[in-house]
N, C-alpha and C. Protein backbone atom coordinates (compact mmCIF):
# COMPACT_ATOMS: atom_id res chain seq x y z
N UNK A 1 110.65 73.76 112.09
CA UNK A 1 111.08 75.29 112.13
C UNK A 1 110.35 75.97 111.13
N UNK A 2 110.04 77.18 111.16
CA UNK A 2 109.03 77.86 110.28
C UNK A 2 110.13 79.15 109.68
N UNK A 3 109.95 79.00 108.37
CA UNK A 3 110.95 80.06 107.42
C UNK A 3 109.93 80.69 107.10
N UNK A 4 110.21 81.99 106.70
CA UNK A 4 109.82 83.15 106.13
C UNK A 4 110.54 83.48 105.21
N UNK A 5 110.25 83.58 103.79
CA UNK A 5 110.90 83.70 102.51
C UNK A 5 109.83 84.40 101.60
N UNK A 6 110.80 84.98 100.63
CA UNK A 6 109.97 85.85 99.46
C UNK A 6 108.86 84.34 98.72
N UNK A 7 108.05 84.85 98.34
CA UNK A 7 107.34 83.74 97.53
C UNK A 7 108.29 83.78 96.04
N UNK A 8 108.00 82.21 95.74
CA UNK A 8 108.72 81.70 94.57
C UNK A 8 107.86 81.49 93.64
N UNK A 9 108.00 81.17 92.18
CA UNK A 9 107.09 80.67 91.18
C UNK A 9 107.02 79.40 91.62
N UNK A 10 105.42 79.01 91.72
CA UNK A 10 104.92 77.82 92.11
C UNK A 10 104.14 77.94 93.32
N UNK A 11 104.36 79.06 94.27
CA UNK A 11 103.92 79.37 95.33
C UNK A 11 102.48 79.95 95.16
N UNK A 12 102.07 80.33 93.81
CA UNK A 12 100.90 80.95 93.65
C UNK A 12 99.61 80.17 93.90
N UNK A 13 99.57 78.80 94.01
CA UNK A 13 98.55 77.74 94.11
C UNK A 13 98.36 77.94 95.73
N UNK A 14 99.23 77.80 96.43
CA UNK A 14 98.88 78.18 98.16
C UNK A 14 98.64 79.37 98.57
N UNK A 15 98.97 80.32 97.65
CA UNK A 15 98.74 81.69 98.10
C UNK A 15 97.16 81.90 97.86
N UNK A 16 97.07 81.23 96.88
CA UNK A 16 95.19 81.52 96.13
C UNK A 16 94.61 80.82 97.32
N UNK A 17 94.85 79.39 97.90
CA UNK A 17 94.19 78.76 98.51
C UNK A 17 94.09 79.53 99.98
N UNK A 18 95.05 80.27 100.61
CA UNK A 18 95.19 81.00 101.69
C UNK A 18 94.24 82.17 101.51
N UNK A 19 94.22 82.73 100.57
CA UNK A 19 93.28 83.76 100.01
C UNK A 19 91.73 83.52 100.39
N UNK A 20 91.59 82.54 99.55
CA UNK A 20 90.20 81.98 100.11
C UNK A 20 89.82 81.46 101.27
N UNK A 21 90.67 81.01 102.33
CA UNK A 21 90.36 80.74 103.55
C UNK A 21 90.20 82.06 104.31
N UNK A 22 91.22 83.25 103.92
CA UNK A 22 90.99 84.65 104.41
C UNK A 22 89.57 85.09 103.99
N UNK A 23 89.10 84.93 102.89
CA UNK A 23 87.88 85.26 102.52
C UNK A 23 86.45 85.09 103.48
N UNK A 24 86.73 83.22 103.64
CA UNK A 24 85.70 82.54 104.29
C UNK A 24 85.96 83.38 105.89
N UNK A 25 86.97 83.36 106.27
CA UNK A 25 87.40 84.29 107.90
C UNK A 25 86.69 85.40 107.83
N UNK A 26 86.71 86.02 106.47
CA UNK A 26 86.36 87.71 106.37
C UNK A 26 84.83 87.69 106.21
N UNK A 27 84.09 86.53 106.24
CA UNK A 27 82.91 86.43 106.01
C UNK A 27 82.28 86.75 104.53
N UNK A 28 83.17 86.48 103.57
CA UNK A 28 82.79 87.00 102.30
C UNK A 28 83.36 85.87 101.56
N UNK A 29 82.97 84.17 101.50
CA UNK A 29 83.47 83.15 101.02
C UNK A 29 83.46 83.25 99.47
N UNK A 30 82.32 84.04 98.91
CA UNK A 30 82.34 83.80 97.56
C UNK A 30 82.87 85.14 96.63
N UNK A 31 83.70 85.98 97.57
CA UNK A 31 84.22 87.17 96.95
C UNK A 31 85.43 87.17 96.47
N UNK A 32 86.43 86.15 96.31
CA UNK A 32 87.57 86.01 95.51
C UNK A 32 87.47 85.45 94.10
N UNK A 33 87.76 86.53 93.28
CA UNK A 33 87.77 86.36 91.81
C UNK A 33 88.87 86.31 91.06
N UNK A 34 90.11 86.50 92.00
CA UNK A 34 91.41 86.34 91.12
C UNK A 34 91.92 84.77 90.77
N UNK A 35 92.52 84.66 90.20
CA UNK A 35 92.74 83.25 89.66
C UNK A 35 94.47 82.96 89.94
N UNK A 36 94.85 81.93 89.95
CA UNK A 36 96.27 81.39 90.32
C UNK A 36 97.04 82.34 89.04
N UNK A 37 96.73 82.20 87.75
CA UNK A 37 97.48 82.78 86.78
C UNK A 37 97.69 84.12 87.11
N UNK A 38 96.60 84.91 87.47
CA UNK A 38 96.82 86.26 87.84
C UNK A 38 97.50 86.55 88.80
N UNK A 39 97.44 85.85 89.84
CA UNK A 39 98.50 85.92 90.82
C UNK A 39 99.79 85.63 90.41
N UNK A 40 100.04 84.48 89.88
CA UNK A 40 101.41 84.39 89.14
C UNK A 40 102.25 85.49 88.28
N UNK A 41 101.07 85.86 87.49
CA UNK A 41 101.57 87.33 86.54
C UNK A 41 101.81 88.53 87.52
N UNK A 42 100.91 88.69 88.40
CA UNK A 42 101.21 89.91 89.25
C UNK A 42 102.36 89.86 89.92
N UNK A 43 102.91 88.84 90.46
CA UNK A 43 103.84 88.53 91.20
C UNK A 43 105.24 88.85 90.45
N UNK A 44 105.08 87.71 89.50
CA UNK A 44 106.37 87.40 88.93
C UNK A 44 106.67 87.75 87.20
N UNK A 45 105.95 88.37 86.75
CA UNK A 45 105.67 88.97 85.11
C UNK A 45 105.62 90.41 85.34
N UNK A 46 104.61 91.12 86.03
CA UNK A 46 104.37 92.36 86.08
C UNK A 46 105.07 92.66 87.29
N UNK A 47 105.19 92.44 88.15
CA UNK A 47 105.68 92.76 89.60
C UNK A 47 105.12 93.96 90.11
N UNK A 48 103.65 93.71 90.00
CA UNK A 48 103.02 94.86 90.66
C UNK A 48 102.70 94.50 92.09
N UNK A 49 103.17 93.45 92.89
CA UNK A 49 102.90 93.40 94.08
C UNK A 49 104.24 92.34 94.39
N UNK A 50 104.29 92.26 95.79
CA UNK A 50 105.11 91.42 96.45
C UNK A 50 104.50 90.33 97.44
N UNK A 51 105.05 89.03 97.84
CA UNK A 51 104.53 88.31 98.73
C UNK A 51 105.67 87.51 99.33
N UNK A 52 105.53 87.43 100.48
CA UNK A 52 106.24 86.94 101.34
C UNK A 52 105.53 85.46 101.97
N UNK A 53 106.06 84.52 102.40
CA UNK A 53 105.29 83.23 102.83
C UNK A 53 105.89 82.96 104.07
N UNK A 54 105.06 82.05 104.97
CA UNK A 54 105.51 81.52 106.17
C UNK A 54 105.59 79.87 105.60
N UNK A 55 106.73 79.10 105.80
CA UNK A 55 106.68 77.84 105.66
C UNK A 55 106.95 76.74 106.66
N UNK A 56 106.11 76.01 106.96
CA UNK A 56 106.74 74.93 107.94
C UNK A 56 106.44 73.82 107.31
N UNK A 57 107.47 72.93 107.68
CA UNK A 57 107.62 71.57 106.81
C UNK A 57 107.18 71.37 105.39
N UNK A 58 107.61 72.27 104.74
CA UNK A 58 107.48 72.40 103.30
C UNK A 58 105.84 72.82 102.87
N UNK A 59 105.32 73.32 103.99
CA UNK A 59 103.75 73.51 103.69
C UNK A 59 103.69 75.01 103.87
N UNK A 60 103.30 75.84 102.99
CA UNK A 60 102.86 77.22 103.43
C UNK A 60 101.58 77.56 104.37
N UNK A 61 102.14 78.29 105.45
CA UNK A 61 101.02 78.30 106.54
C UNK A 61 100.75 79.81 106.52
N UNK A 62 101.19 80.70 105.95
CA UNK A 62 100.66 82.12 105.68
C UNK A 62 101.47 82.74 104.78
N UNK A 63 100.99 84.13 104.64
CA UNK A 63 101.68 84.92 103.61
C UNK A 63 101.24 86.04 103.87
N UNK A 64 102.00 87.19 103.11
CA UNK A 64 101.73 88.59 103.29
C UNK A 64 101.88 89.17 102.09
N UNK A 65 100.95 89.98 101.47
CA UNK A 65 101.02 90.30 100.23
C UNK A 65 101.00 91.97 100.27
N UNK A 66 101.84 92.57 99.51
CA UNK A 66 102.03 93.91 99.62
C UNK A 66 102.45 94.76 98.37
N UNK A 67 102.35 95.90 98.46
CA UNK A 67 102.97 96.62 97.32
C UNK A 67 103.09 98.25 97.58
N UNK A 68 104.13 98.74 96.84
CA UNK A 68 104.56 100.23 96.87
C UNK A 68 103.37 101.08 96.58
N UNK A 69 103.22 102.08 97.28
CA UNK A 69 101.99 103.06 97.45
C UNK A 69 102.69 104.09 97.56
N UNK A 70 102.00 105.41 97.36
CA UNK A 70 102.48 106.71 97.29
C UNK A 70 101.46 107.88 98.21
N UNK A 71 102.18 108.78 98.91
CA UNK A 71 101.29 109.85 99.47
C UNK A 71 101.93 110.96 99.09
N UNK A 72 101.10 112.27 98.47
CA UNK A 72 101.49 113.30 98.38
C UNK A 72 101.87 113.98 99.48
N UNK A 73 101.79 113.67 100.64
CA UNK A 73 102.35 114.16 101.58
C UNK A 73 103.92 113.69 102.19
N UNK A 74 103.81 112.21 102.08
CA UNK A 74 105.33 111.69 102.53
C UNK A 74 105.79 111.35 101.31
N UNK A 75 105.35 110.83 99.93
CA UNK A 75 106.54 110.05 99.21
C UNK A 75 105.95 108.70 99.22
N UNK A 76 107.14 107.79 98.97
CA UNK A 76 107.12 106.33 98.75
C UNK A 76 106.45 105.89 100.04
N UNK A 77 105.51 104.84 100.17
CA UNK A 77 104.88 104.02 101.05
C UNK A 77 104.60 102.83 100.77
N UNK A 78 104.38 101.92 101.65
CA UNK A 78 104.33 100.58 101.16
C UNK A 78 102.55 100.19 101.87
N UNK A 79 101.83 99.51 101.10
CA UNK A 79 100.58 99.14 101.50
C UNK A 79 100.40 97.68 101.73
N UNK A 80 100.56 97.20 102.99
CA UNK A 80 100.14 95.63 103.30
C UNK A 80 98.64 95.25 102.87
N UNK A 81 98.51 94.94 101.64
CA UNK A 81 97.05 94.17 101.41
C UNK A 81 96.59 93.13 102.10
N UNK A 82 97.33 92.14 102.68
CA UNK A 82 96.90 90.96 103.22
C UNK A 82 97.95 90.38 104.12
N UNK A 83 97.25 89.99 105.39
CA UNK A 83 98.35 89.09 105.92
C UNK A 83 97.68 88.04 106.56
N UNK A 84 97.98 86.83 106.54
CA UNK A 84 96.98 85.81 106.78
C UNK A 84 97.81 84.41 107.01
N UNK A 85 97.62 83.86 108.35
CA UNK A 85 98.23 82.82 108.94
C UNK A 85 96.82 81.67 109.06
N UNK A 86 97.21 80.25 108.59
CA UNK A 86 96.20 79.34 109.08
C UNK A 86 95.62 79.43 110.38
N UNK A 87 94.44 79.16 110.65
CA UNK A 87 93.80 79.23 111.98
C UNK A 87 94.75 78.40 113.24
N UNK A 88 95.15 77.11 112.90
CA UNK A 88 95.82 76.16 113.81
C UNK A 88 97.62 76.90 113.84
N UNK A 89 97.95 77.77 113.14
CA UNK A 89 99.32 78.27 113.41
C UNK A 89 99.40 79.87 114.25
N UNK A 90 98.12 80.16 114.70
CA UNK A 90 97.89 81.39 115.20
C UNK A 90 98.64 81.26 116.62
N UNK A 91 99.23 82.28 116.77
CA UNK A 91 99.67 82.71 118.34
C UNK A 91 100.79 81.67 118.69
N UNK A 92 101.28 81.56 117.38
CA UNK A 92 102.69 80.74 117.37
C UNK A 92 103.87 81.71 117.02
N UNK A 93 103.87 83.20 116.64
CA UNK A 93 104.40 84.00 116.49
C UNK A 93 104.83 84.20 114.88
N UNK A 94 104.12 83.49 114.06
CA UNK A 94 104.25 83.53 112.51
C UNK A 94 103.76 84.94 111.77
N UNK A 95 102.55 85.06 112.44
CA UNK A 95 101.91 86.72 112.07
C UNK A 95 102.96 87.59 112.38
N UNK A 96 103.67 87.87 113.51
CA UNK A 96 104.39 88.67 113.82
C UNK A 96 105.76 88.65 112.78
N UNK A 97 106.35 87.42 112.58
CA UNK A 97 107.18 87.21 111.53
C UNK A 97 107.22 87.90 110.36
N UNK A 98 105.99 87.65 109.66
CA UNK A 98 105.50 87.93 108.64
C UNK A 98 105.19 89.58 108.43
N UNK A 99 104.75 90.15 109.80
CA UNK A 99 104.72 91.85 109.77
C UNK A 99 105.86 92.32 109.59
N UNK A 100 106.93 91.81 110.53
CA UNK A 100 108.13 92.22 110.88
C UNK A 100 108.85 92.14 109.50
N UNK A 101 108.66 91.12 108.63
CA UNK A 101 109.39 91.20 107.42
C UNK A 101 109.13 92.08 106.47
N UNK A 102 107.59 92.13 106.60
CA UNK A 102 107.23 93.34 105.39
C UNK A 102 107.75 94.54 105.99
N UNK A 103 107.76 94.95 107.33
CA UNK A 103 108.12 96.24 107.79
C UNK A 103 109.83 96.58 107.32
N UNK A 104 110.31 95.62 107.63
CA UNK A 104 111.83 95.55 107.12
C UNK A 104 111.99 95.89 105.50
N UNK A 105 111.16 95.37 104.90
CA UNK A 105 111.05 95.63 103.24
C UNK A 105 110.73 97.02 103.06
N UNK A 106 109.69 97.48 104.09
CA UNK A 106 109.58 98.78 103.69
C UNK A 106 110.40 100.24 104.01
N UNK A 107 111.31 99.36 105.13
CA UNK A 107 112.18 100.39 105.53
C UNK A 107 113.48 100.45 104.81
N UNK A 108 113.60 99.03 103.97
CA UNK A 108 114.66 98.76 102.91
C UNK A 108 114.50 99.77 101.80
N UNK A 109 113.23 99.70 101.33
CA UNK A 109 112.75 100.58 100.09
C UNK A 109 112.58 101.93 100.36
N UNK A 110 113.01 102.36 101.63
CA UNK A 110 113.08 103.64 102.27
C UNK A 110 111.53 104.38 102.25
N UNK A 111 110.47 103.34 102.47
CA UNK A 111 108.97 103.94 102.63
C UNK A 111 109.00 104.78 103.54
N UNK A 112 108.28 105.76 103.47
CA UNK A 112 107.86 106.69 104.79
C UNK A 112 107.14 106.17 105.70
N UNK A 113 106.14 105.30 105.20
CA UNK A 113 105.29 104.77 105.98
C UNK A 113 104.66 103.34 105.53
N UNK A 114 103.94 102.76 106.40
CA UNK A 114 103.31 101.28 106.14
C UNK A 114 101.90 101.46 106.41
N UNK A 115 101.03 101.17 105.69
CA UNK A 115 99.53 101.01 106.09
C UNK A 115 98.96 99.63 105.69
N UNK A 116 98.07 99.55 106.13
CA UNK A 116 96.68 98.32 105.91
C UNK A 116 95.47 98.55 106.51
N UNK A 117 94.48 97.88 106.21
CA UNK A 117 93.23 98.21 106.91
C UNK A 117 92.93 96.91 107.53
N UNK A 118 92.18 97.31 108.56
CA UNK A 118 91.39 95.90 109.47
C UNK A 118 89.92 96.16 109.60
N UNK A 119 89.45 95.22 109.60
CA UNK A 119 87.74 95.21 109.86
C UNK A 119 87.49 95.69 111.47
N UNK A 120 86.66 96.50 111.85
CA UNK A 120 86.60 96.84 112.62
C UNK A 120 85.83 95.97 113.83
N UNK A 121 85.56 94.95 113.05
CA UNK A 121 84.80 93.61 113.83
C UNK A 121 86.04 92.76 114.28
N UNK A 122 87.41 92.99 113.84
CA UNK A 122 88.03 91.65 114.17
C UNK A 122 89.20 92.14 114.91
N UNK A 123 88.50 91.73 116.26
CA UNK A 123 89.24 92.27 117.36
C UNK A 123 90.75 91.64 117.57
N UNK A 124 90.76 90.14 117.20
CA UNK A 124 92.08 89.39 117.19
C UNK A 124 93.16 90.04 116.45
N UNK A 125 92.63 90.43 115.21
CA UNK A 125 93.43 91.32 114.15
C UNK A 125 94.11 92.92 114.98
N UNK A 126 93.11 93.25 115.48
CA UNK A 126 93.26 94.64 115.91
C UNK A 126 94.03 94.54 117.26
N UNK A 127 93.91 93.80 117.92
CA UNK A 127 94.88 93.26 119.14
C UNK A 127 96.21 92.95 118.67
N UNK A 128 96.50 92.21 117.69
CA UNK A 128 97.72 92.01 117.13
C UNK A 128 98.46 92.89 116.65
N UNK A 129 97.86 93.93 115.97
CA UNK A 129 98.72 95.09 115.48
C UNK A 129 98.78 96.15 116.39
N UNK A 130 97.73 96.33 117.41
CA UNK A 130 98.11 96.89 118.73
C UNK A 130 99.44 96.61 119.38
N UNK A 131 99.37 95.30 119.52
CA UNK A 131 100.20 94.62 120.49
C UNK A 131 102.10 95.00 119.59
N UNK A 132 102.09 95.05 118.44
CA UNK A 132 103.33 95.51 117.69
C UNK A 132 103.56 96.73 117.55
N UNK A 133 102.66 97.61 118.27
CA UNK A 133 103.09 99.20 118.58
C UNK A 133 102.05 99.93 117.60
N UNK A 134 101.33 99.51 116.49
CA UNK A 134 100.81 99.98 115.30
C UNK A 134 99.66 101.10 116.04
N UNK A 135 99.48 101.93 114.95
CA UNK A 135 98.34 102.84 115.27
C UNK A 135 97.16 102.69 114.50
N UNK A 136 96.09 102.62 114.91
CA UNK A 136 94.74 102.57 114.20
C UNK A 136 94.19 103.88 114.11
N UNK A 137 93.89 104.01 112.85
CA UNK A 137 93.31 105.55 112.51
C UNK A 137 91.81 105.39 112.44
N UNK A 138 90.72 105.86 113.20
CA UNK A 138 89.62 105.69 113.10
C UNK A 138 89.17 107.09 112.28
N UNK A 139 89.76 107.81 111.94
CA UNK A 139 89.21 109.46 111.37
C UNK A 139 88.92 109.12 110.23
N UNK A 140 89.56 108.07 109.26
CA UNK A 140 89.63 107.91 107.96
C UNK A 140 88.61 106.75 107.46
N UNK A 141 88.03 107.23 106.55
CA UNK A 141 86.65 106.21 105.94
C UNK A 141 87.41 105.51 104.81
N UNK A 142 87.37 104.26 104.63
CA UNK A 142 87.73 103.84 103.17
C UNK A 142 86.72 103.64 102.29
N UNK A 143 87.10 104.17 101.25
CA UNK A 143 86.53 104.41 99.91
C UNK A 143 86.88 103.36 98.86
N UNK A 144 85.98 103.00 98.05
CA UNK A 144 86.22 101.91 96.91
C UNK A 144 85.23 102.35 95.60
N UNK A 145 85.75 101.81 94.40
CA UNK A 145 85.02 101.50 93.47
C UNK A 145 85.60 100.29 92.80
N UNK A 146 84.65 99.32 92.37
CA UNK A 146 84.77 98.19 92.01
C UNK A 146 84.17 98.13 90.48
N UNK A 147 84.98 97.63 89.72
CA UNK A 147 84.91 97.51 88.33
C UNK A 147 84.75 95.60 88.01
N UNK A 148 83.97 95.65 86.97
CA UNK A 148 83.58 94.21 86.82
C UNK A 148 84.36 93.82 85.50
N UNK A 149 85.65 93.50 85.53
CA UNK A 149 86.44 92.89 84.60
C UNK A 149 86.92 91.19 84.92
N UNK A 150 86.70 90.91 83.78
CA UNK A 150 86.71 89.18 83.88
C UNK A 150 87.78 88.88 82.89
N UNK A 151 88.93 87.99 83.04
CA UNK A 151 89.68 87.60 82.16
C UNK A 151 89.28 86.29 81.57
N UNK A 152 89.27 86.22 80.32
CA UNK A 152 88.65 85.07 79.41
C UNK A 152 89.76 84.42 78.79
């Protein structure tokens, strides 16, 4: 039986392993810079983000990581940074359960919208979100500045 629950102290190691799997899937295997210690700090000490995990037979098989964001037009929002399910567990409903749990948390927190990004080449993810009733916005471009910051 698959359990969806909030991440707890100790889950950060498995979350990082899944983040690295996601990076491989997204064709950027060397892009992950974050450490287990940073994930632990961000989730449990600084509380700048939240994570939920999907657990099957005591193994974490998926996660969703998200945080509160803000819109000058809407107010409080929720941003889903990543949702990932191990390849062998896809099409079992795990992703849907994770997504629905994040959506419930957004509504509980009275967020006016929930947002995320999906690569335009990732048709399985696009189909997944559309099947759940999501709207994909092709009018906005994604901008980014990156800073070279290393923890010593």
